[in-house]
PDB file of N, CA and C in Angstrom:
ATOM      1  N   UNK A   1      12.457 -12.256   1.047  1.00  0.00           N
ATOM      2  CA  UNK A   1      13.427 -11.342   1.624  1.00  0.00           C
ATOM      3  C   UNK A   1      13.869 -11.866   2.975  1.00  0.00           C
ATOM      4  N   UNK A   2      15.107 -11.716   3.257  1.00  0.00           N
ATOM      5  CA  UNK A   2      15.615 -12.139   4.555  1.00  0.00           C
ATOM      6  C   UNK A   2      15.686 -10.939   5.497  1.00  0.00           C
ATOM      7  N   UNK A   3      15.911 -11.209   6.783  1.00  0.00           N
ATOM      8  CA  UNK A   3      15.996 -10.125   7.759  1.00  0.00           C
ATOM      9  C   UNK A   3      17.104  -9.141   7.411  1.00  0.00           C
ATOM     10  N   UNK A   4      18.124  -9.597   6.696  1.00  0.00           N
ATOM     11  CA  UNK A   4      19.246  -8.736   6.368  1.00  0.00           C
ATOM     12  C   UNK A   4      18.979  -7.774   5.227  1.00  0.00           C
ATOM     13  N   UNK A   5      17.952  -8.042   4.424  1.00  0.00           N
ATOM     14  CA  UNK A   5      17.651  -7.178   3.292  1.00  0.00           C
ATOM     15  C   UNK A   5      16.818  -5.993   3.746  1.00  0.00           C
ATOM     16  N   UNK A   6      16.980  -4.883   3.060  1.00  0.00           N
ATOM     17  CA  UNK A   6      16.206  -3.690   3.391  1.00  0.00           C
ATOM     18  C   UNK A   6      14.805  -3.814   2.804  1.00  0.00           C
ATOM     19  N   UNK A   7      13.827  -3.501   3.634  1.00  0.00           N
ATOM     20  CA  UNK A   7      12.446  -3.454   3.171  1.00  0.00           C
ATOM     21  C   UNK A   7      12.141  -2.024   2.739  1.00  0.00           C
ATOM     22  N   UNK A   8      11.238  -1.849   1.785  1.00  0.00           N
ATOM     23  CA  UNK A   8      10.920  -0.497   1.325  1.00  0.00           C
ATOM     24  C   UNK A   8      10.318   0.334   2.463  1.00  0.00           C
ATOM     25  N   UNK A   9      10.608   1.628   2.469  1.00  0.00           N
ATOM     26  CA  UNK A   9      10.110   2.482   3.541  1.00  0.00           C
ATOM     27  C   UNK A   9       8.810   3.176   3.174  1.00  0.00           C
ATOM     28  N   UNK A  10       8.381   3.040   1.912  1.00  0.00           N
ATOM     29  CA  UNK A  10       7.123   3.665   1.492  1.00  0.00           C
ATOM     30  C   UNK A  10       6.567   2.945   0.277  1.00  0.00           C
ATOM     31  N   UNK A  11       5.289   3.169   0.052  1.00  0.00           N
ATOM     32  CA  UNK A  11       4.644   2.625  -1.138  1.00  0.00           C
ATOM     33  C   UNK A  11       5.131   3.396  -2.363  1.00  0.00           C
ATOM     34  N   UNK A  12       4.887   2.872  -3.561  1.00  0.00           N
ATOM     35  CA  UNK A  12       5.373   3.560  -4.773  1.00  0.00           C
ATOM     36  C   UNK A  12       4.911   5.011  -4.893  1.00  0.00           C
ATOM     37  N   UNK A  13       3.685   5.316  -4.459  1.00  0.00           N
ATOM     38  CA  UNK A  13       3.195   6.690  -4.553  1.00  0.00           C
ATOM     39  C   UNK A  13       3.792   7.584  -3.475  1.00  0.00           C
ATOM     40  N   UNK A  14       4.283   6.976  -2.409  1.00  0.00           N
ATOM     41  CA  UNK A  14       4.781   7.736  -1.270  1.00  0.00           C
ATOM     42  C   UNK A  14       3.688   8.102  -0.280  1.00  0.00           C
ATOM     43  N   UNK A  15       2.444   7.721  -0.574  1.00  0.00           N
ATOM     44  CA  UNK A  15       1.335   8.054   0.318  1.00  0.00           C
ATOM     45  C   UNK A  15       1.369   7.256   1.620  1.00  0.00           C
ATOM     46  N   UNK A  16       1.911   6.049   1.573  1.00  0.00           N
ATOM     47  CA  UNK A  16       1.931   5.175   2.746  1.00  0.00           C
ATOM     48  C   UNK A  16       3.375   4.896   3.128  1.00  0.00           C
ATOM     49  N   UNK A  17       3.776   5.400   4.286  1.00  0.00           N
ATOM     50  CA  UNK A  17       5.157   5.222   4.726  1.00  0.00           C
ATOM     51  C   UNK A  17       5.220   4.275   5.914  1.00  0.00           C
ATOM     52  N   UNK A  18       6.356   3.641   6.017  1.00  0.00           N
ATOM     53  CA  UNK A  18       6.574   2.744   7.152  1.00  0.00           C
ATOM     54  C   UNK A  18       6.514   3.530   8.464  1.00  0.00           C
ATOM     55  N   UNK A  19       7.021   4.758   8.469  1.00  0.00           N
ATOM     56  CA  UNK A  19       7.003   5.577   9.689  1.00  0.00           C
ATOM     57  C   UNK A  19       5.572   5.856  10.140  1.00  0.00           C
ATOM     58  N   UNK A  20       4.680   6.183   9.203  1.00  0.00           N
ATOM     59  CA  UNK A  20       3.273   6.436   9.559  1.00  0.00           C
ATOM     60  C   UNK A  20       2.635   5.167  10.108  1.00  0.00           C
ATOM     61  N   UNK A  21       2.920   4.038   9.476  1.00  0.00           N
ATOM     62  CA  UNK A  21       2.377   2.761   9.951  1.00  0.00           C
ATOM     63  C   UNK A  21       2.902   2.435  11.348  1.00  0.00           C
ATOM     64  N   UNK A  22       4.193   2.645  11.577  1.00  0.00           N
ATOM     65  CA  UNK A  22       4.771   2.374  12.893  1.00  0.00           C
ATOM     66  C   UNK A  22       4.126   3.245  13.969  1.00  0.00           C
ATOM     67  N   UNK A  23       3.878   4.517  13.648  1.00  0.00           N
ATOM     68  CA  UNK A  23       3.195   5.398  14.616  1.00  0.00           C
ATOM     69  C   UNK A  23       1.795   4.874  14.916  1.00  0.00           C
ATOM     70  N   UNK A  24       1.104   4.399  13.902  1.00  0.00           N
ATOM     71  CA  UNK A  24      -0.241   3.854  14.094  1.00  0.00           C
ATOM     72  C   UNK A  24      -0.205   2.597  14.966  1.00  0.00           C
ATOM     73  N   UNK A  25       0.760   1.718  14.722  1.00  0.00           N
ATOM     74  CA  UNK A  25       0.893   0.501  15.526  1.00  0.00           C
ATOM     75  C   UNK A  25       1.187   0.872  16.974  1.00  0.00           C
ATOM     76  N   UNK A  26       2.114   1.787  17.177  1.00  0.00           N
ATOM     77  CA  UNK A  26       2.471   2.195  18.540  1.00  0.00           C
ATOM     78  C   UNK A  26       1.287   2.829  19.257  1.00  0.00           C
ATOM     79  N   UNK A  27       0.503   3.622  18.547  1.00  0.00           N
ATOM     80  CA  UNK A  27      -0.643   4.288  19.161  1.00  0.00           C
ATOM     81  C   UNK A  27      -1.762   3.306  19.507  1.00  0.00           C
ATOM     82  N   UNK A  28      -1.874   2.227  18.748  1.00  0.00           N
ATOM     83  CA  UNK A  28      -2.983   1.296  18.962  1.00  0.00           C
ATOM     84  C   UNK A  28      -2.643   0.129  19.881  1.00  0.00           C
ATOM     85  N   UNK A  29      -1.397   0.005  20.298  1.00  0.00           N
ATOM     86  CA  UNK A  29      -0.979  -1.080  21.190  1.00  0.00           C
ATOM     87  C   UNK A  29      -0.319  -0.487  22.436  1.00  0.00           C
ATOM     88  N   UNK A  30      -0.663  -1.036  23.591  1.00  0.00           N
ATOM     89  CA  UNK A  30      -0.010  -0.596  24.825  1.00  0.00           C
ATOM     90  C   UNK A  30       1.469  -0.929  24.809  1.00  0.00           C
ATOM     91  N   UNK A  31       1.783  -2.138  24.394  1.00  0.00           N
ATOM     92  CA  UNK A  31       3.163  -2.575  24.181  1.00  0.00           C
ATOM     93  C   UNK A  31       3.233  -3.126  22.771  1.00  0.00           C
ATOM     94  N   UNK A  32       4.421  -3.142  22.221  1.00  0.00           N
ATOM     95  CA  UNK A  32       4.540  -3.618  20.844  1.00  0.00           C
ATOM     96  C   UNK A  32       4.133  -5.089  20.780  1.00  0.00           C
ATOM     97  N   UNK A  33       3.372  -5.454  19.758  1.00  0.00           N
ATOM     98  CA  UNK A  33       2.911  -6.835  19.637  1.00  0.00           C
ATOM     99  C   UNK A  33       4.070  -7.817  19.455  1.00  0.00           C
ATOM    100  N   UNK A  34       3.802  -9.061  19.761  1.00  0.00           N
ATOM    101  CA  UNK A  34       4.841 -10.090  19.684  1.00  0.00           C
ATOM    102  C   UNK A  34       5.433 -10.200  18.272  1.00  0.00           C
ATOM    103  N   UNK A  35       4.599 -10.049  17.241  1.00  0.00           N
ATOM    104  CA  UNK A  35       5.090 -10.179  15.867  1.00  0.00           C
ATOM    105  C   UNK A  35       6.093  -9.090  15.505  1.00  0.00           C
ATOM    106  N   UNK A  36       6.162  -8.025  16.287  1.00  0.00           N
ATOM    107  CA  UNK A  36       7.064  -6.906  15.980  1.00  0.00           C
ATOM    108  C   UNK A  36       8.524  -7.335  15.939  1.00  0.00           C
ATOM    109  N   UNK A  37       8.875  -8.390  16.675  1.00  0.00           N
ATOM    110  CA  UNK A  37      10.275  -8.840  16.749  1.00  0.00           C
ATOM    111  C   UNK A  37      10.775  -9.448  15.444  1.00  0.00           C
ATOM    112  N   UNK A  38       9.876  -9.888  14.614  1.00  0.00           N
ATOM    113  CA  UNK A  38      10.248 -10.537  13.352  1.00  0.00           C
ATOM    114  C   UNK A  38      10.149  -9.532  12.199  1.00  0.00           C
ATOM    115  N   UNK A  39      11.261  -9.309  11.511  1.00  0.00           N
ATOM    116  CA  UNK A  39      11.259  -8.383  10.370  1.00  0.00           C
ATOM    117  C   UNK A  39      10.274  -8.826   9.291  1.00  0.00           C
ATOM    118  N   UNK A  40      10.196 -10.128   9.050  1.00  0.00           N
ATOM    119  CA  UNK A  40       9.280 -10.612   8.016  1.00  0.00           C
ATOM    120  C   UNK A  40       7.822 -10.402   8.425  1.00  0.00           C
ATOM    121  N   UNK A  41       7.495 -10.659   9.679  1.00  0.00           N
ATOM    122  CA  UNK A  41       6.114 -10.441  10.131  1.00  0.00           C
ATOM    123  C   UNK A  41       5.769  -8.954  10.140  1.00  0.00           C
ATOM    124  N   UNK A  42       6.725  -8.104  10.519  1.00  0.00           N
ATOM    125  CA  UNK A  42       6.486  -6.662  10.442  1.00  0.00           C
ATOM    126  C   UNK A  42       6.205  -6.247   9.004  1.00  0.00           C
ATOM    127  N   UNK A  43       6.988  -6.812   8.078  1.00  0.00           N
ATOM    128  CA  UNK A  43       6.789  -6.484   6.663  1.00  0.00           C
ATOM    129  C   UNK A  43       5.406  -6.926   6.195  1.00  0.00           C
ATOM    130  N   UNK A  44       5.000  -8.108   6.575  1.00  0.00           N
ATOM    131  CA  UNK A  44       3.667  -8.595   6.194  1.00  0.00           C
ATOM    132  C   UNK A  44       2.564  -7.687   6.746  1.00  0.00           C
ATOM    133  N   UNK A  45       2.730  -7.262   7.989  1.00  0.00           N
ATOM    134  CA  UNK A  45       1.740  -6.368   8.599  1.00  0.00           C
ATOM    135  C   UNK A  45       1.713  -5.016   7.885  1.00  0.00           C
ATOM    136  N   UNK A  46       2.892  -4.504   7.538  1.00  0.00           N
ATOM    137  CA  UNK A  46       2.963  -3.235   6.811  1.00  0.00           C
ATOM    138  C   UNK A  46       2.268  -3.361   5.458  1.00  0.00           C
ATOM    139  N   UNK A  47       2.553  -4.431   4.739  1.00  0.00           N
ATOM    140  CA  UNK A  47       1.949  -4.621   3.418  1.00  0.00           C
ATOM    141  C   UNK A  47       0.435  -4.765   3.520  1.00  0.00           C
ATOM    142  N   UNK A  48      -0.037  -5.490   4.520  1.00  0.00           N
ATOM    143  CA  UNK A  48      -1.488  -5.636   4.729  1.00  0.00           C
ATOM    144  C   UNK A  48      -2.118  -4.271   5.024  1.00  0.00           C
ATOM    145  N   UNK A  49      -1.415  -3.448   5.793  1.00  0.00           N
ATOM    146  CA  UNK A  49      -1.903  -2.107   6.104  1.00  0.00           C
ATOM    147  C   UNK A  49      -1.991  -1.264   4.836  1.00  0.00           C
ATOM    148  N   UNK A  50      -0.962  -1.328   3.983  1.00  0.00           N
ATOM    149  CA  UNK A  50      -0.981  -0.559   2.730  1.00  0.00           C
ATOM    150  C   UNK A  50      -2.185  -0.965   1.889  1.00  0.00           C
ATOM    151  N   UNK A  51      -2.419  -2.266   1.745  1.00  0.00           N
ATOM    152  CA  UNK A  51      -3.559  -2.732   0.947  1.00  0.00           C
ATOM    153  C   UNK A  51      -4.864  -2.211   1.542  1.00  0.00           C
ATOM    154  N   UNK A  52      -5.043  -2.394   2.842  1.00  0.00           N
ATOM    155  CA  UNK A  52      -6.296  -1.985   3.483  1.00  0.00           C
ATOM    156  C   UNK A  52      -6.540  -0.480   3.352  1.00  0.00           C
ATOM    157  N   UNK A  53      -5.510   0.308   3.607  1.00  0.00           N
ATOM    158  CA  UNK A  53      -5.655   1.762   3.519  1.00  0.00           C
ATOM    159  C   UNK A  53      -5.916   2.207   2.084  1.00  0.00           C
ATOM    160  N   UNK A  54      -5.155   1.659   1.142  1.00  0.00           N
ATOM    161  CA  UNK A  54      -5.299   2.062  -0.262  1.00  0.00           C
ATOM    162  C   UNK A  54      -6.676   1.693  -0.798  1.00  0.00           C
ATOM    163  N   UNK A  55      -7.106   0.479  -0.539  1.00  0.00           N
ATOM    164  CA  UNK A  55      -8.415   0.039  -1.041  1.00  0.00           C
ATOM    165  C   UNK A  55      -9.535   0.830  -0.364  1.00  0.00           C
ATOM    166  N   UNK A  56      -9.405   1.083   0.933  1.00  0.00           N
ATOM    167  CA  UNK A  56     -10.417   1.870   1.638  1.00  0.00           C
ATOM    168  C   UNK A  56     -10.542   3.277   1.083  1.00  0.00           C
ATOM    169  N   UNK A  57      -9.406   3.925   0.860  1.00  0.00           N
ATOM    170  CA  UNK A  57      -9.439   5.275   0.296  1.00  0.00           C
ATOM    171  C   UNK A  57      -9.958   5.274  -1.142  1.00  0.00           C
ATOM    172  N   UNK A  58      -9.571   4.275  -1.924  1.00  0.00           N
ATOM    173  CA  UNK A  58     -10.082   4.169  -3.295  1.00  0.00           C
ATOM    174  C   UNK A  58     -11.601   4.067  -3.292  1.00  0.00           C
ATOM    175  N   UNK A  59     -12.132   3.270  -2.385  1.00  0.00           N
ATOM    176  CA  UNK A  59     -13.576   3.088  -2.288  1.00  0.00           C
ATOM    177  C   UNK A  59     -14.257   4.391  -1.908  1.00  0.00           C
ATOM    178  N   UNK A  60     -13.716   5.075  -0.922  1.00  0.00           N
ATOM    179  CA  UNK A  60     -14.300   6.352  -0.513  1.00  0.00           C
ATOM    180  C   UNK A  60     -14.266   7.380  -1.638  1.00  0.00           C
ATOM    181  N   UNK A  61     -13.143   7.480  -2.321  1.00  0.00           N
ATOM    182  CA  UNK A  61     -13.041   8.434  -3.429  1.00  0.00           C
ATOM    183  C   UNK A  61     -13.969   8.056  -4.580  1.00  0.00           C
ATOM    184  N   UNK A  62     -14.195   6.757  -4.765  1.00  0.00           N
ATOM    185  CA  UNK A  62     -15.089   6.302  -5.826  1.00  0.00           C
ATOM    186  C   UNK A  62     -16.538   6.692  -5.601  1.00  0.00           C
ATOM    187  N   UNK A  63     -16.876   7.001  -4.384  1.00  0.00           N
ATOM    188  CA  UNK A  63     -18.253   7.401  -4.051  1.00  0.00           C
ATOM    189  C   UNK A  63     -18.521   8.872  -4.336  1.00  0.00           C
ATOM    190  N   UNK A  64     -17.478   9.649  -4.550  1.00  0.00           N
ATOM    191  CA  UNK A  64     -17.662  11.077  -4.787  1.00  0.00           C
ATOM    192  C   UNK A  64     -18.323  11.325  -6.138  1.00  0.00           C
ATOM    193  N   UNK A  65     -19.212  12.297  -6.171  1.00  0.00           N
ATOM    194  CA  UNK A  65     -19.851  12.698  -7.418  1.00  0.00           C
ATOM    195  C   UNK A  65     -19.043  13.840  -8.012  1.00  0.00           C
ATOM    196  N   UNK A  66     -18.200  13.514  -8.963  1.00  0.00           N
ATOM    197  CA  UNK A  66     -17.327  14.522  -9.566  1.00  0.00           C
ATOM    198  C   UNK A  66     -17.784  14.906 -10.973  1.00  0.00           C
ATOM    199  N   UNK A  67     -19.003  14.500 -11.344  1.00  0.00           N
ATOM    200  CA  UNK A  67     -19.490  14.764 -12.704  1.00  0.00           C
ATOM    201  C   UNK A  67     -19.563  16.261 -13.009  1.00  0.00           C
ATOM    202  N   UNK A  68     -19.862  17.066 -12.014  1.00  0.00           N
ATOM    203  CA  UNK A  68     -20.002  18.511 -12.244  1.00  0.00           C
ATOM    204  C   UNK A  68     -18.689  19.267 -12.072  1.00  0.00           C
ATOM    205  N   UNK A  69     -17.649  18.558 -11.725  1.00  0.00           N
ATOM    206  CA  UNK A  69     -16.339  19.191 -11.534  1.00  0.00           C
ATOM    207  C   UNK A  69     -15.280  18.355 -12.243  1.00  0.00           C
ATOM    208  N   UNK A  70     -15.208  18.458 -13.575  1.00  0.00           N
ATOM    209  CA  UNK A  70     -14.300  17.595 -14.340  1.00  0.00           C
ATOM    210  C   UNK A  70     -12.830  17.722 -13.952  1.00  0.00           C
ATOM    211  N   UNK A  71     -12.387  18.918 -13.601  1.00  0.00           N
ATOM    212  CA  UNK A  71     -10.980  19.076 -13.207  1.00  0.00           C
ATOM    213  C   UNK A  71     -10.735  18.319 -11.909  1.00  0.00           C
ATOM    214  N   UNK A  72     -11.630  18.486 -10.966  1.00  0.00           N
ATOM    215  CA  UNK A  72     -11.524  17.760  -9.710  1.00  0.00           C
ATOM    216  C   UNK A  72     -11.659  16.263  -9.956  1.00  0.00           C
ATOM    217  N   UNK A  73     -12.557  15.885 -10.840  1.00  0.00           N
ATOM    218  CA  UNK A  73     -12.755  14.472 -11.159  1.00  0.00           C
ATOM    219  C   UNK A  73     -11.502  13.818 -11.701  1.00  0.00           C
ATOM    220  N   UNK A  74     -10.772  14.517 -12.538  1.00  0.00           N
ATOM    221  CA  UNK A  74      -9.540  13.930 -13.078  1.00  0.00           C
ATOM    222  C   UNK A  74      -8.476  13.808 -11.988  1.00  0.00           C
ATOM    223  N   UNK A  75      -8.455  14.750 -11.055  1.00  0.00           N
ATOM    224  CA  UNK A  75      -7.509  14.656  -9.936  1.00  0.00           C
ATOM    225  C   UNK A  75      -7.856  13.484  -9.023  1.00  0.00           C
ATOM    226  N   UNK A  76      -9.130  13.318  -8.758  1.00  0.00           N
ATOM    227  CA  UNK A  76      -9.582  12.189  -7.927  1.00  0.00           C
ATOM    228  C   UNK A  76      -9.216  10.875  -8.614  1.00  0.00           C
ATOM    229  N   UNK A  77      -9.416  10.810  -9.912  1.00  0.00           N
ATOM    230  CA  UNK A  77      -9.082   9.586 -10.651  1.00  0.00           C
ATOM    231  C   UNK A  77      -7.586   9.313 -10.616  1.00  0.00           C
ATOM    232  N   UNK A  78      -6.782  10.362 -10.709  1.00  0.00           N
ATOM    233  CA  UNK A  78      -5.324  10.197 -10.628  1.00  0.00           C
ATOM    234  C   UNK A  78      -4.916   9.638  -9.258  1.00  0.00           C
ATOM    235  N   UNK A  79      -5.534  10.141  -8.215  1.00  0.00           N
ATOM    236  CA  UNK A  79      -5.236   9.637  -6.863  1.00  0.00           C
ATOM    237  C   UNK A  79      -5.705   8.194  -6.730  1.00  0.00           C
ATOM    238  N   UNK A  80      -6.877   7.888  -7.250  1.00  0.00           N
ATOM    239  CA  UNK A  80      -7.372   6.510  -7.189  1.00  0.00           C
ATOM    240  C   UNK A  80      -6.431   5.565  -7.933  1.00  0.00           C
ATOM    241  N   UNK A  81      -5.892   6.001  -9.056  1.00  0.00           N
ATOM    242  CA  UNK A  81      -4.937   5.171  -9.789  1.00  0.00           C
ATOM    243  C   UNK A  81      -3.663   4.938  -8.981  1.00  0.00           C
ATOM    244  N   UNK A  82      -3.175   5.978  -8.308  1.00  0.00           N
ATOM    245  CA  UNK A  82      -1.984   5.829  -7.458  1.00  0.00           C
ATOM    246  C   UNK A  82      -2.268   4.855  -6.315  1.00  0.00           C
ATOM    247  N   UNK A  83      -3.458   4.956  -5.725  1.00  0.00           N
ATOM    248  CA  UNK A  83      -3.841   4.035  -4.646  1.00  0.00           C
ATOM    249  C   UNK A  83      -3.928   2.594  -5.159  1.00  0.00           C
ATOM    250  N   UNK A  84      -4.452   2.433  -6.369  1.00  0.00           N
ATOM    251  CA  UNK A  84      -4.547   1.089  -6.962  1.00  0.00           C
ATOM    252  C   UNK A  84      -3.152   0.511  -7.184  1.00  0.00           C
ATOM    253  N   UNK A  85      -2.230   1.341  -7.629  1.00  0.00           N
ATOM    254  CA  UNK A  85      -0.859   0.876  -7.832  1.00  0.00           C
ATOM    255  C   UNK A  85      -0.195   0.514  -6.509  1.00  0.00           C
ATOM    256  N   UNK A  86      -0.475   1.293  -5.469  1.00  0.00           N
ATOM    257  CA  UNK A  86       0.066   0.964  -4.146  1.00  0.00           C
ATOM    258  C   UNK A  86      -0.472  -0.380  -3.660  1.00  0.00           C
ATOM    259  N   UNK A  87      -1.778  -0.605  -3.830  1.00  0.00           N
ATOM    260  CA  UNK A  87      -2.368  -1.882  -3.408  1.00  0.00           C
ATOM    261  C   UNK A  87      -1.769  -3.039  -4.211  1.00  0.00           C
ATOM    262  N   UNK A  88      -1.605  -2.849  -5.516  1.00  0.00           N
ATOM    263  CA  UNK A  88      -1.014  -3.898  -6.357  1.00  0.00           C
ATOM    264  C   UNK A  88       0.430  -4.171  -5.948  1.00  0.00           C
ATOM    265  N   UNK A  89       1.168  -3.115  -5.653  1.00  0.00           N
ATOM    266  CA  UNK A  89       2.546  -3.268  -5.197  1.00  0.00           C
ATOM    267  C   UNK A  89       2.612  -4.075  -3.906  1.00  0.00           C
ATOM    268  N   UNK A  90       1.759  -3.734  -2.951  1.00  0.00           N
ATOM    269  CA  UNK A  90       1.772  -4.435  -1.664  1.00  0.00           C
ATOM    270  C   UNK A  90       1.367  -5.901  -1.835  1.00  0.00           C
ATOM    271  N   UNK A  91       0.394  -6.164  -2.681  1.00  0.00           N
ATOM    272  CA  UNK A  91      -0.005  -7.563  -2.934  1.00  0.00           C
ATOM    273  C   UNK A  91       1.142  -8.343  -3.574  1.00  0.00           C
ATOM    274  N   UNK A  92       1.818  -7.728  -4.534  1.00  0.00           N
ATOM    275  CA  UNK A  92       2.950  -8.395  -5.196  1.00  0.00           C
ATOM    276  C   UNK A  92       4.089  -8.635  -4.207  1.00  0.00           C
ATOM    277  N   UNK A  93       4.323  -7.674  -3.316  1.00  0.00           N
ATOM    278  CA  UNK A  93       5.377  -7.839  -2.313  1.00  0.00           C
ATOM    279  C   UNK A  93       5.030  -8.971  -1.351  1.00  0.00           C
ATOM    280  N   UNK A  94       3.771  -9.082  -0.988  1.00  0.00           N
ATOM    281  CA  UNK A  94       3.332 -10.176  -0.108  1.00  0.00           C
ATOM    282  C   UNK A  94       3.526 -11.524  -0.808  1.00  0.00           C
ATOM    283  N   UNK A  95       3.183 -11.600  -2.080  1.00  0.00           N
ATOM    284  CA  UNK A  95       3.397 -12.833  -2.843  1.00  0.00           C
ATOM    285  C   UNK A  95       4.881 -13.172  -2.908  1.00  0.00           C
ATOM    286  N   UNK A  96       5.722 -12.147  -3.071  1.00  0.00           N
ATOM    287  CA  UNK A  96       7.165 -12.370  -3.132  1.00  0.00           C
ATOM    288  C   UNK A  96       7.683 -12.887  -1.791  1.00  0.00           C
ATOM    289  N   UNK A  97       7.134 -12.374  -0.688  1.00  0.00           N
ATOM    290  CA  UNK A  97       7.535 -12.873   0.631  1.00  0.00           C
ATOM    291  C   UNK A  97       7.161 -14.345   0.784  1.00  0.00           C
ATOM    292  N   UNK A  98       5.984 -14.696   0.304  1.00  0.00           N
ATOM    293  CA  UNK A  98       5.542 -16.086   0.398  1.00  0.00           C
ATOM    294  C   UNK A  98       6.375 -16.997  -0.487  1.00  0.00           C
ATOM    295  N   UNK A  99       6.852 -16.479  -1.621  1.00  0.00           N
ATOM    296  CA  UNK A  99       7.629 -17.279  -2.565  1.00  0.00           C
ATOM    297  C   UNK A  99       9.067 -17.487  -2.100  1.00  0.00           C
ATOM    298  N   UNK A 100       9.546 -16.621  -1.235  1.00  0.00           N
ATOM    299  CA  UNK A 100      10.912 -16.762  -0.740  1.00  0.00           C
ATOM    300  C   UNK A 100      11.822 -15.687  -1.271  1.00  0.00           C
ATOM    301  N   UNK A 101      13.138 -15.866  -1.089  1.00  0.00           N
ATOM    302  CA  UNK A 101      14.109 -14.836  -1.476  1.00  0.00           C
ATOM    303  C   UNK A 101      14.049 -14.506  -2.963  1.00  0.00           C
ATOM    304  N   UNK A 102      14.330 -13.282  -3.253  1.00  0.00           N
ATOM    305  CA  UNK A 102      14.353 -12.825  -4.639  1.00  0.00           C
ATOM    306  C   UNK A 102      14.289 -11.318  -4.668  1.00  0.00           C
ATOM    307  N   UNK A 103      14.259 -10.743  -5.848  1.00  0.00           N
ATOM    308  CA  UNK A 103      14.229  -9.286  -5.943  1.00  0.00           C
ATOM    309  C   UNK A 103      12.898  -8.728  -5.451  1.00  0.00           C
ATOM    310  N   UNK A 104      12.937  -7.512  -4.928  1.00  0.00           N
ATOM    311  CA  UNK A 104      11.717  -6.845  -4.473  1.00  0.00           C
ATOM    312  C   UNK A 104      10.852  -6.526  -5.682  1.00  0.00           C
ATOM    313  N   UNK A 105       9.530  -6.630  -5.527  1.00  0.00           N
ATOM    314  CA  UNK A 105       8.647  -6.350  -6.655  1.00  0.00           C
ATOM    315  C   UNK A 105       8.600  -4.863  -6.965  1.00  0.00           C
ATOM    316  N   UNK A 106       8.331  -4.559  -8.215  1.00  0.00           N
ATOM    317  CA  UNK A 106       8.114  -3.168  -8.593  1.00  0.00           C
ATOM    318  C   UNK A 106       6.843  -3.131  -9.417  1.00  0.00           C
ATOM    319  N   UNK A 107       6.179  -2.020  -9.373  1.00  0.00           N
ATOM    320  CA  UNK A 107       4.948  -1.852 -10.141  1.00  0.00           C
ATOM    321  C   UNK A 107       5.180  -0.729 -11.124  1.00  0.00           C
ATOM    322  N   UNK A 108       5.029  -1.047 -12.397  1.00  0.00           N
ATOM    323  CA  UNK A 108       5.193  -0.032 -13.434  1.00  0.00           C
ATOM    324  C   UNK A 108       3.979   0.878 -13.427  1.00  0.00           C
ATOM    325  N   UNK A 109       4.185   2.157 -13.468  1.00  0.00           N
ATOM    326  CA  UNK A 109       3.078   3.105 -13.422  1.00  0.00           C
ATOM    327  C   UNK A 109       2.397   3.129 -14.797  1.00  0.00           C
ATOM    328  N   UNK A 110       1.166   2.611 -14.836  1.00  0.00           N
ATOM    329  CA  UNK A 110       0.404   2.673 -16.062  1.00  0.00           C
ATOM    330  C   UNK A 110      -1.068   2.771 -15.713  1.00  0.00           C
ATOM    331  N   UNK A 111      -1.776   3.564 -16.460  1.00  0.00           N
ATOM    332  CA  UNK A 111      -3.209   3.728 -16.229  1.00  0.00           C
ATOM    333  C   UNK A 111      -3.938   2.407 -16.453  1.00  0.00           C
ATOM    334  N   UNK A 112      -3.486   1.616 -17.425  1.00  0.00           N
ATOM    335  CA  UNK A 112      -4.148   0.337 -17.713  1.00  0.00           C
ATOM    336  C   UNK A 112      -4.032  -0.603 -16.515  1.00  0.00           C
ATOM    337  N   UNK A 113      -2.843  -0.707 -15.936  1.00  0.00           N
ATOM    338  CA  UNK A 113      -2.651  -1.579 -14.783  1.00  0.00           C
ATOM    339  C   UNK A 113      -3.448  -1.081 -13.589  1.00  0.00           C
ATOM    340  N   UNK A 114      -3.479   0.218 -13.389  1.00  0.00           N
ATOM    341  CA  UNK A 114      -4.218   0.781 -12.258  1.00  0.00           C
ATOM    342  C   UNK A 114      -5.701   0.554 -12.429  1.00  0.00           C
ATOM    343  N   UNK A 115      -6.196   0.613 -13.649  1.00  0.00           N
ATOM    344  CA  UNK A 115      -7.616   0.414 -13.906  1.00  0.00           C
ATOM    345  C   UNK A 115      -8.124  -0.954 -13.503  1.00  0.00           C
ATOM    346  N   UNK A 116      -7.230  -1.945 -13.484  1.00  0.00           N
ATOM    347  CA  UNK A 116      -7.655  -3.296 -13.110  1.00  0.00           C
ATOM    348  C   UNK A 116      -8.076  -3.364 -11.657  1.00  0.00           C
ATOM    349  N   UNK A 117      -7.599  -2.438 -10.838  1.00  0.00           N
ATOM    350  CA  UNK A 117      -7.882  -2.479  -9.412  1.00  0.00           C
ATOM    351  C   UNK A 117      -8.879  -1.421  -8.984  1.00  0.00           C
ATOM    352  N   UNK A 118      -9.360  -0.634  -9.927  1.00  0.00           N
ATOM    353  CA  UNK A 118     -10.298   0.419  -9.565  1.00  0.00           C
ATOM    354  C   UNK A 118     -11.597  -0.191  -9.066  1.00  0.00           C
ATOM    355  N   UNK A 119     -12.119   0.385  -7.991  1.00  0.00           N
ATOM    356  CA  UNK A 119     -13.350  -0.134  -7.391  1.00  0.00           C
ATOM    357  C   UNK A 119     -14.556   0.353  -8.155  1.00  0.00           C
TER     358      UNK A 119
END
């Protein structure tokens, strides 16, 4: 993607938004970091953040004992699948950035694909 192309403003699930990430960056830095000036570096940082957050939350949710609450367990699993798809999307987008110009990646919503990334 070039600087002129629009980068996505949120992950496929909508759980991770560029605005939330920007607020986090601003809160954790006294001044904006040097990489902020580059659209491609900002995109890479955003994608890395999506992966880290999604995988971290998936891991935490995977530790819950939902055996006695099947309805809750299915909801937790649905969220974990959405997080897995977000992580896969961000990884694919990072690979696309490394490969050069081309269409933005998309992740098809499927339980089978999400299961590959479940912790």
